[in-house]
Protein backbone atom coordinates (compact mmCIF):
# COMPACT_ATOMS: atom_id res chain seq x y z
CA MET A 1 -0.09 0.25 0.05
CA ILE A 2 1.31 3.34 -0.90
CA GLU A 3 0.54 6.33 1.59
CA GLY A 4 0.19 9.95 0.85
CA ARG A 5 -1.75 13.05 2.10
CA ILE A 6 -4.19 15.18 0.00
CA THR A 7 -2.53 18.56 -0.47
CA PHE A 8 -5.27 20.23 -2.64
CA LYS A 9 -8.66 19.16 -3.97
CA ARG A 10 -9.84 20.92 -7.24
CA ASP A 11 -13.50 21.66 -7.88
CA ASP A 12 -13.72 18.81 -10.81
CA GLY A 13 -12.93 16.40 -7.53
CA ARG A 14 -9.45 15.45 -8.66
CA VAL A 15 -6.97 15.81 -6.25
CA ASN A 16 -3.27 16.46 -5.62
CA VAL A 17 -1.39 14.15 -3.30
CA SER A 18 2.00 14.33 -1.70
CA MET A 19 4.11 11.38 -0.60
CA ARG A 20 6.21 13.67 1.71
CA PRO A 21 5.27 14.31 5.28
CA THR A 22 4.02 17.81 6.00
CA LYS A 23 6.91 20.20 6.27
CA GLU A 24 6.84 20.62 9.98
CA LYS A 25 7.22 16.62 10.49
CA ALA A 26 9.93 16.73 7.51
CA LEU A 27 11.73 19.44 9.51
CA VAL A 28 13.25 16.77 11.48
CA SER A 29 14.12 14.03 8.68
CA ASP A 30 15.85 16.35 6.33
CA GLY A 31 17.75 17.80 9.08
CA ASP A 32 18.89 14.34 10.06
CA ILE A 33 19.77 13.59 6.16
CA ILE A 34 22.09 17.10 6.49
CA MET A 35 23.52 16.06 9.79
CA GLU A 36 24.40 12.66 8.89
CA TYR A 37 26.23 14.30 5.42
CA LEU A 38 28.16 16.84 7.76
CA LEU A 39 29.35 14.18 9.99
CA ASN A 40 30.39 11.86 7.06
CA ARG A 41 32.26 15.05 5.60
CA GLY A 42 34.43 15.76 8.47
CA GLY A 43 31.56 18.45 9.96
CA LYS A 44 31.81 20.59 7.07
CA MET A 45 30.07 21.20 3.81
CA PRO A 46 30.24 23.59 1.05
CA TYR A 47 26.26 23.97 1.07
CA SER A 48 24.41 26.78 2.77
CA ASP A 49 21.09 28.51 2.55
CA GLU A 50 22.77 30.39 -0.58
CA SER A 51 23.52 27.34 -3.10
CA SER A 52 21.59 26.72 -5.42
CA ALA A 53 18.20 24.68 -5.65
CA MET A 54 19.31 22.19 -8.40
CA LEU A 55 22.60 21.57 -6.32
CA ILE A 56 20.42 21.00 -3.07
CA LYS A 57 17.99 18.75 -5.10
CA ASP A 58 20.87 16.48 -6.31
CA LYS A 59 23.00 16.62 -3.33
CA PHE A 60 20.13 15.82 -0.65
CA ASN A 61 17.04 15.41 -2.56
CA ILE A 62 14.58 17.64 -0.96
CA SER A 63 13.74 21.27 -2.01
CA LYS A 64 15.81 24.32 -1.42
CA ALA A 65 12.85 25.40 0.80
CA ALA A 66 12.86 22.45 2.57
CA PHE A 67 16.89 22.34 2.91
CA LYS A 68 16.90 26.09 4.41
CA ARG A 69 13.73 25.11 6.99
CA ALA A 70 15.99 22.43 8.08
CA LEU A 71 19.43 24.28 8.21
CA GLY A 72 17.37 27.28 10.27
CA HIS A 73 15.84 24.25 12.72
CA LEU A 74 19.52 23.00 12.87
CA MET A 75 20.88 26.96 13.74
CA LYS A 76 18.24 27.27 16.55
CA GLU A 77 19.35 24.33 18.18
CA LYS A 78 23.02 25.48 17.74
CA LYS A 79 23.98 22.19 16.06
CA ILE A 80 25.44 24.57 12.91
CA VAL A 81 26.73 27.66 11.90
CA GLN A 82 27.16 29.11 8.51
CA GLU A 83 30.52 31.16 7.47
CA ASP A 84 31.44 32.09 4.34
CA GLY A 85 29.05 29.42 2.06
CA TRP A 86 30.29 26.72 4.36
CA THR A 87 27.74 25.07 6.79
CA LEU A 88 29.86 23.68 9.68
CA LEU A 89 29.09 21.39 12.57
CA THR A 90 29.36 23.01 16.15
CA ASP A 91 30.44 21.13 19.52
CA ILE A 92 26.93 20.53 19.98
CA GLY A 93 26.34 19.05 16.33
CA ARG A 94 29.35 16.91 16.99
CA GLN A 95 27.70 14.77 19.59
CA TRP A 96 24.34 14.17 17.43
CA THR A 97 23.91 10.60 16.91
CA PRO A 98 21.07 9.30 14.13
CA LEU A 99 17.91 7.82 15.68
CA VAL A 100 17.34 4.05 15.08
CA SER A 101 14.21 3.99 13.20
CA ASP A 102 11.48 1.53 13.95
CA GLU A 103 11.95 -0.30 10.37
CA SER A 104 15.92 -1.11 11.07
CA GLN A 105 14.74 -2.34 14.46
CA ASP A 106 12.10 -4.73 13.05
CA GLU A 107 15.12 -5.95 10.37
CA GLU A 108 17.18 -7.46 13.33
């Protein structure tokens, strides 16, 4: 079964459906993607909220708007900072560990 959510209902009865979670829920998972990327790159990446939408989509498979929301959320949590077009982990960010999803626990 495929799950989705209705994003728009048209006058003719057709609907637009998104398979992505709402932006409030995606914020955390998008942030996790960025944090894992940063940890794998030694705590820094040459991407920031000024990076192009195509580059962000290519590297992270999320929209620029979602990327900027996730970066903003991580900055509020003091996990990252941005300097000269680079995004860097802070000491707090270096302590981050990925959560184990329920799906991977079920496989064990």
